């Protein structure tokens, strides 16, 4: 199938990018970024293993979004410093990121509880709610990392509130997407 070849190409691209970015972070002594890269790659390995064991079923769209979000965050946001220099990069990544995470949450939920769930509206509301919740938890996680690592990923109240707004928009779009597509 074309999609399987495309997906394999995307996943090979992801692995190559991870290796190249790891080398670049080591050369530039950006050790906190290395920890971030390792965390993302471990999550990727866990997802792939659960799917191979048929515990969960993740669509190619969600896998593509995972790669897109991860590479955008690591390469563009961290390595090329778009978080600091790009006006809308952070907001776009929040929107797309929470959209992807919300869809992923839906697919895990359906993989585990499919026989018990039969309301499209309930599922859409759940996806919207889980997206907002995960977006808020991400902001708390950013704050904790800022305090522990003495970083400044959060740039004041306006930045945090805009992140929360774009997280909510991404979650809302995911809820609508689920209602229409599934």
C-alpha atoms as a PDB file:
ATOM      1  CA  UNK A   1       0.000   0.000   0.000  1.00  0.00           C
ATOM      2  CA  UNK A   2       1.083   3.566  -0.667  1.00  0.00           C
ATOM      3  CA  UNK A   3       0.238   4.679   2.868  1.00  0.00           C
ATOM      4  CA  UNK A   4       2.412   1.976   4.422  1.00  0.00           C
ATOM      5  CA  UNK A   5       5.388   3.006   2.258  1.00  0.00           C
ATOM      6  CA  UNK A   6       4.752   6.654   3.075  1.00  0.00           C
ATOM      7  CA  UNK A   7       4.517   5.854   6.778  1.00  0.00           C
ATOM      8  CA  UNK A   8       7.754   3.835   6.693  1.00  0.00           C
ATOM      9  CA  UNK A   9       9.451   6.737   4.936  1.00  0.00           C
ATOM     10  CA  UNK A  10       8.171   9.148   7.592  1.00  0.00           C
ATOM     11  CA  UNK A  11       9.347   6.871  10.423  1.00  0.00           C
ATOM     12  CA  UNK A  12      12.805   6.428   8.835  1.00  0.00           C
ATOM     13  CA  UNK A  13      12.975  10.201   8.458  1.00  0.00           C
ATOM     14  CA  UNK A  14      12.063  10.533  12.158  1.00  0.00           C
ATOM     15  CA  UNK A  15      14.814   8.127  13.234  1.00  0.00           C
ATOM     16  CA  UNK A  16      17.408   9.909  11.100  1.00  0.00           C
ATOM     17  CA  UNK A  17      16.327  13.309  12.442  1.00  0.00           C
ATOM     18  CA  UNK A  18      16.591  12.025  16.020  1.00  0.00           C
ATOM     19  CA  UNK A  19      20.166  10.814  15.411  1.00  0.00           C
ATOM     20  CA  UNK A  20      21.198  14.043  13.672  1.00  0.00           C
ATOM     21  CA  UNK A  21      19.589  16.195  16.371  1.00  0.00           C
ATOM     22  CA  UNK A  22      21.222  14.145  19.135  1.00  0.00           C
ATOM     23  CA  UNK A  23      24.620  14.742  17.545  1.00  0.00           C
ATOM     24  CA  UNK A  24      23.862  18.463  17.079  1.00  0.00           C
ATOM     25  CA  UNK A  25      22.728  18.859  20.708  1.00  0.00           C
ATOM     26  CA  UNK A  26      25.889  17.091  21.929  1.00  0.00           C
ATOM     27  CA  UNK A  27      28.143  19.286  19.780  1.00  0.00           C
ATOM     28  CA  UNK A  28      26.360  22.430  21.011  1.00  0.00           C
ATOM     29  CA  UNK A  29      26.306  21.178  24.629  1.00  0.00           C
ATOM     30  CA  UNK A  30      22.531  21.591  24.795  1.00  0.00           C
ATOM     31  CA  UNK A  31      22.114  18.853  27.379  1.00  0.00           C
ATOM     32  CA  UNK A  32      18.591  19.761  28.514  1.00  0.00           C
ATOM     33  CA  UNK A  33      17.486  19.340  24.902  1.00  0.00           C
ATOM     34  CA  UNK A  34      19.093  15.894  24.836  1.00  0.00           C
ATOM     35  CA  UNK A  35      16.922  14.814  27.767  1.00  0.00           C
ATOM     36  CA  UNK A  36      13.891  16.140  25.930  1.00  0.00           C
ATOM     37  CA  UNK A  37      14.877  14.259  22.764  1.00  0.00           C
ATOM     38  CA  UNK A  38      15.394  11.011  24.706  1.00  0.00           C
ATOM     39  CA  UNK A  39      11.985  11.388  26.382  1.00  0.00           C
ATOM     40  CA  UNK A  40      10.256  11.913  23.020  1.00  0.00           C
ATOM     41  CA  UNK A  41      12.050   8.944  21.475  1.00  0.00           C
ATOM     42  CA  UNK A  42      11.168   6.659  24.407  1.00  0.00           C
ATOM     43  CA  UNK A  43       7.493   7.660  24.034  1.00  0.00           C
ATOM     44  CA  UNK A  44       7.769   6.874  20.312  1.00  0.00           C
ATOM     45  CA  UNK A  45       9.254   3.408  21.034  1.00  0.00           C
ATOM     46  CA  UNK A  46       6.535   2.667  23.615  1.00  0.00           C
ATOM     47  CA  UNK A  47       3.762   3.641  21.184  1.00  0.00           C
ATOM     48  CA  UNK A  48       5.239   1.548  18.359  1.00  0.00           C
ATOM     49  CA  UNK A  49       5.685  -1.476  20.672  1.00  0.00           C
ATOM     50  CA  UNK A  50       2.124  -1.277  22.018  1.00  0.00           C
ATOM     51  CA  UNK A  51       0.840  -1.069  18.490  1.00  0.00           C
ATOM     52  CA  UNK A  52       2.937  -4.027  17.310  1.00  0.00           C
ATOM     53  CA  UNK A  53       1.539  -6.051  20.228  1.00  0.00           C
ATOM     54  CA  UNK A  54      -1.958  -4.992  19.066  1.00  0.00           C
ATOM     55  CA  UNK A  55      -2.755  -3.342  22.406  1.00  0.00           C
ATOM     56  CA  UNK A  56      -3.579  -0.069  20.637  1.00  0.00           C
ATOM     57  CA  UNK A  57      -4.316   0.875  17.045  1.00  0.00           C
ATOM     58  CA  UNK A  58      -2.921   4.241  15.970  1.00  0.00           C
ATOM     59  CA  UNK A  59      -3.824   5.779  12.611  1.00  0.00           C
ATOM     60  CA  UNK A  60      -1.226   6.936  10.113  1.00  0.00           C
ATOM     61  CA  UNK A  61      -2.486  10.492  10.583  1.00  0.00           C
ATOM     62  CA  UNK A  62      -1.674  10.420  14.297  1.00  0.00           C
ATOM     63  CA  UNK A  63       1.751   8.843  13.650  1.00  0.00           C
ATOM     64  CA  UNK A  64       2.460  11.547  11.073  1.00  0.00           C
ATOM     65  CA  UNK A  65       1.365  14.255  13.523  1.00  0.00           C
ATOM     66  CA  UNK A  66       3.620  12.752  16.214  1.00  0.00           C
ATOM     67  CA  UNK A  67       6.621  12.935  13.874  1.00  0.00           C
ATOM     68  CA  UNK A  68       5.697  16.427  12.654  1.00  0.00           C
ATOM     69  CA  UNK A  69       5.208  17.776  16.171  1.00  0.00           C
ATOM     70  CA  UNK A  70       8.329  16.103  17.581  1.00  0.00           C
ATOM     71  CA  UNK A  71      10.658  17.207  14.784  1.00  0.00           C
ATOM     72  CA  UNK A  72       9.170  20.705  14.747  1.00  0.00           C
ATOM     73  CA  UNK A  73       9.678  20.989  18.506  1.00  0.00           C
ATOM     74  CA  UNK A  74      13.199  19.544  18.595  1.00  0.00           C
ATOM     75  CA  UNK A  75      14.649  20.891  15.343  1.00  0.00           C
ATOM     76  CA  UNK A  76      12.826  24.134  14.690  1.00  0.00           C
ATOM     77  CA  UNK A  77      11.835  25.116  18.217  1.00  0.00           C
ATOM     78  CA  UNK A  78      14.907  24.070  20.167  1.00  0.00           C
ATOM     79  CA  UNK A  79      17.823  23.719  17.753  1.00  0.00           C
ATOM     80  CA  UNK A  80      16.940  26.627  15.448  1.00  0.00           C
ATOM     81  CA  UNK A  81      15.467  28.607  18.353  1.00  0.00           C
ATOM     82  CA  UNK A  82      12.097  29.354  16.729  1.00  0.00           C
ATOM     83  CA  UNK A  83      10.540  29.489  20.182  1.00  0.00           C
ATOM     84  CA  UNK A  84      12.479  32.699  20.793  1.00  0.00           C
ATOM     85  CA  UNK A  85      12.627  34.156  17.291  1.00  0.00           C
ATOM     86  CA  UNK A  86       9.369  33.010  15.670  1.00  0.00           C
ATOM     87  CA  UNK A  87       6.303  35.079  16.493  1.00  0.00           C
ATOM     88  CA  UNK A  88       3.683  32.392  15.973  1.00  0.00           C
ATOM     89  CA  UNK A  89       5.712  29.179  16.029  1.00  0.00           C
ATOM     90  CA  UNK A  90       4.969  28.331  19.679  1.00  0.00           C
ATOM     91  CA  UNK A  91       1.255  28.990  19.254  1.00  0.00           C
ATOM     92  CA  UNK A  92       1.000  26.903  16.065  1.00  0.00           C
ATOM     93  CA  UNK A  93       2.834  24.036  17.747  1.00  0.00           C
ATOM     94  CA  UNK A  94       0.482  24.208  20.744  1.00  0.00           C
ATOM     95  CA  UNK A  95      -2.544  24.079  18.434  1.00  0.00           C
ATOM     96  CA  UNK A  96      -1.236  21.212  16.275  1.00  0.00           C
ATOM     97  CA  UNK A  97       0.292  19.423  19.267  1.00  0.00           C
ATOM     98  CA  UNK A  98      -2.887  19.315  21.320  1.00  0.00           C
ATOM     99  CA  UNK A  99      -4.861  18.383  18.190  1.00  0.00           C
ATOM    100  CA  UNK A 100      -2.538  15.394  17.682  1.00  0.00           C
ATOM    101  CA  UNK A 101      -2.467  14.411  21.360  1.00  0.00           C
ATOM    102  CA  UNK A 102      -6.261  14.598  21.521  1.00  0.00           C
ATOM    103  CA  UNK A 103      -6.595  12.323  18.483  1.00  0.00           C
ATOM    104  CA  UNK A 104      -4.031   9.954  19.998  1.00  0.00           C
ATOM    105  CA  UNK A 105      -6.018   9.871  23.257  1.00  0.00           C
ATOM    106  CA  UNK A 106      -9.169   9.067  21.303  1.00  0.00           C
ATOM    107  CA  UNK A 107      -7.472   6.209  19.450  1.00  0.00           C
ATOM    108  CA  UNK A 108      -6.104   4.725  22.676  1.00  0.00           C
ATOM    109  CA  UNK A 109      -9.539   5.048  24.289  1.00  0.00           C
ATOM    110  CA  UNK A 110     -11.247   3.350  21.352  1.00  0.00           C
ATOM    111  CA  UNK A 111      -8.596   0.610  21.245  1.00  0.00           C
ATOM    112  CA  UNK A 112      -9.200  -0.242  24.890  1.00  0.00           C
ATOM    113  CA  UNK A 113     -12.912   0.531  25.428  1.00  0.00           C
ATOM    114  CA  UNK A 114     -14.480   0.304  21.953  1.00  0.00           C
ATOM    115  CA  UNK A 115     -17.267  -2.074  22.981  1.00  0.00           C
ATOM    116  CA  UNK A 116     -18.448   0.263  25.757  1.00  0.00           C
ATOM    117  CA  UNK A 117     -18.530   3.522  23.814  1.00  0.00           C
ATOM    118  CA  UNK A 118     -21.341   4.344  21.415  1.00  0.00           C
ATOM    119  CA  UNK A 119     -22.011   8.090  21.613  1.00  0.00           C
ATOM    120  CA  UNK A 120     -20.200  10.331  19.122  1.00  0.00           C
ATOM    121  CA  UNK A 121     -21.074  13.440  21.125  1.00  0.00           C
ATOM    122  CA  UNK A 122     -19.737  11.941  24.356  1.00  0.00           C
ATOM    123  CA  UNK A 123     -16.520  10.908  22.622  1.00  0.00           C
ATOM    124  CA  UNK A 124     -16.119  14.378  21.065  1.00  0.00           C
ATOM    125  CA  UNK A 125     -16.610  16.067  24.437  1.00  0.00           C
ATOM    126  CA  UNK A 126     -14.151  13.629  26.007  1.00  0.00           C
ATOM    127  CA  UNK A 127     -11.531  14.326  23.313  1.00  0.00           C
ATOM    128  CA  UNK A 128     -12.013  18.077  23.782  1.00  0.00           C
ATOM    129  CA  UNK A 129     -11.734  17.710  27.578  1.00  0.00           C
ATOM    130  CA  UNK A 130      -8.674  15.463  27.485  1.00  0.00           C
ATOM    131  CA  UNK A 131      -6.979  17.874  25.066  1.00  0.00           C
ATOM    132  CA  UNK A 132      -7.554  20.831  27.365  1.00  0.00           C
ATOM    133  CA  UNK A 133      -6.447  18.813  30.388  1.00  0.00           C
ATOM    134  CA  UNK A 134      -3.251  17.632  28.712  1.00  0.00           C
ATOM    135  CA  UNK A 135      -2.530  21.166  27.486  1.00  0.00           C
ATOM    136  CA  UNK A 136      -2.864  22.485  31.036  1.00  0.00           C
ATOM    137  CA  UNK A 137      -0.659  19.703  32.395  1.00  0.00           C
ATOM    138  CA  UNK A 138       1.910  20.542  29.730  1.00  0.00           C
ATOM    139  CA  UNK A 139       1.967  24.168  30.901  1.00  0.00           C
ATOM    140  CA  UNK A 140       2.474  23.007  34.503  1.00  0.00           C
ATOM    141  CA  UNK A 141       5.270  20.686  33.305  1.00  0.00           C
ATOM    142  CA  UNK A 142       6.919  23.621  31.464  1.00  0.00           C
ATOM    143  CA  UNK A 143       6.744  25.675  34.655  1.00  0.00           C
ATOM    144  CA  UNK A 144       8.320  22.893  36.745  1.00  0.00           C
ATOM    145  CA  UNK A 145      11.122  22.475  34.187  1.00  0.00           C
ATOM    146  CA  UNK A 146      11.708  26.222  34.174  1.00  0.00           C
ATOM    147  CA  UNK A 147      12.095  26.184  37.952  1.00  0.00           C
ATOM    148  CA  UNK A 148      14.238  23.032  38.135  1.00  0.00           C
ATOM    149  CA  UNK A 149      16.495  23.744  35.127  1.00  0.00           C
ATOM    150  CA  UNK A 150      16.516  27.523  35.598  1.00  0.00           C
ATOM    151  CA  UNK A 151      15.153  28.030  32.070  1.00  0.00           C
ATOM    152  CA  UNK A 152      12.632  30.500  30.710  1.00  0.00           C
ATOM    153  CA  UNK A 153      10.315  28.546  28.425  1.00  0.00           C
ATOM    154  CA  UNK A 154       7.371  30.564  29.669  1.00  0.00           C
ATOM    155  CA  UNK A 155       7.529  34.270  28.913  1.00  0.00           C
ATOM    156  CA  UNK A 156       4.938  35.783  31.196  1.00  0.00           C
ATOM    157  CA  UNK A 157       1.210  35.677  31.714  1.00  0.00           C
ATOM    158  CA  UNK A 158       0.253  36.642  28.150  1.00  0.00           C
ATOM    159  CA  UNK A 159       2.411  33.829  26.725  1.00  0.00           C
ATOM    160  CA  UNK A 160       0.918  31.252  29.097  1.00  0.00           C
ATOM    161  CA  UNK A 161      -2.645  32.403  28.424  1.00  0.00           C
ATOM    162  CA  UNK A 162      -2.091  32.340  24.653  1.00  0.00           C
ATOM    163  CA  UNK A 163      -0.652  28.817  24.996  1.00  0.00           C
ATOM    164  CA  UNK A 164      -3.781  27.762  26.886  1.00  0.00           C
ATOM    165  CA  UNK A 165      -6.026  29.386  24.265  1.00  0.00           C
ATOM    166  CA  UNK A 166      -4.241  27.623  21.391  1.00  0.00           C
ATOM    167  CA  UNK A 167      -4.301  24.341  23.339  1.00  0.00           C
ATOM    168  CA  UNK A 168      -8.073  24.780  23.679  1.00  0.00           C
ATOM    169  CA  UNK A 169      -8.494  25.556  19.974  1.00  0.00           C
ATOM    170  CA  UNK A 170      -6.474  22.442  19.078  1.00  0.00           C
ATOM    171  CA  UNK A 171      -8.585  20.333  21.454  1.00  0.00           C
ATOM    172  CA  UNK A 172     -11.813  21.803  20.038  1.00  0.00           C
ATOM    173  CA  UNK A 173     -10.732  21.049  16.455  1.00  0.00           C
ATOM    174  CA  UNK A 174      -9.857  17.485  17.520  1.00  0.00           C
ATOM    175  CA  UNK A 175     -13.303  17.064  19.101  1.00  0.00           C
ATOM    176  CA  UNK A 176     -14.995  18.273  15.912  1.00  0.00           C
ATOM    177  CA  UNK A 177     -12.659  16.088  13.797  1.00  0.00           C
ATOM    178  CA  UNK A 178     -13.613  13.008  15.824  1.00  0.00           C
ATOM    179  CA  UNK A 179     -17.319  13.810  15.547  1.00  0.00           C
ATOM    180  CA  UNK A 180     -17.108  14.193  11.748  1.00  0.00           C
ATOM    181  CA  UNK A 181     -14.591  11.472  10.874  1.00  0.00           C
ATOM    182  CA  UNK A 182     -15.410   8.601  13.242  1.00  0.00           C
END
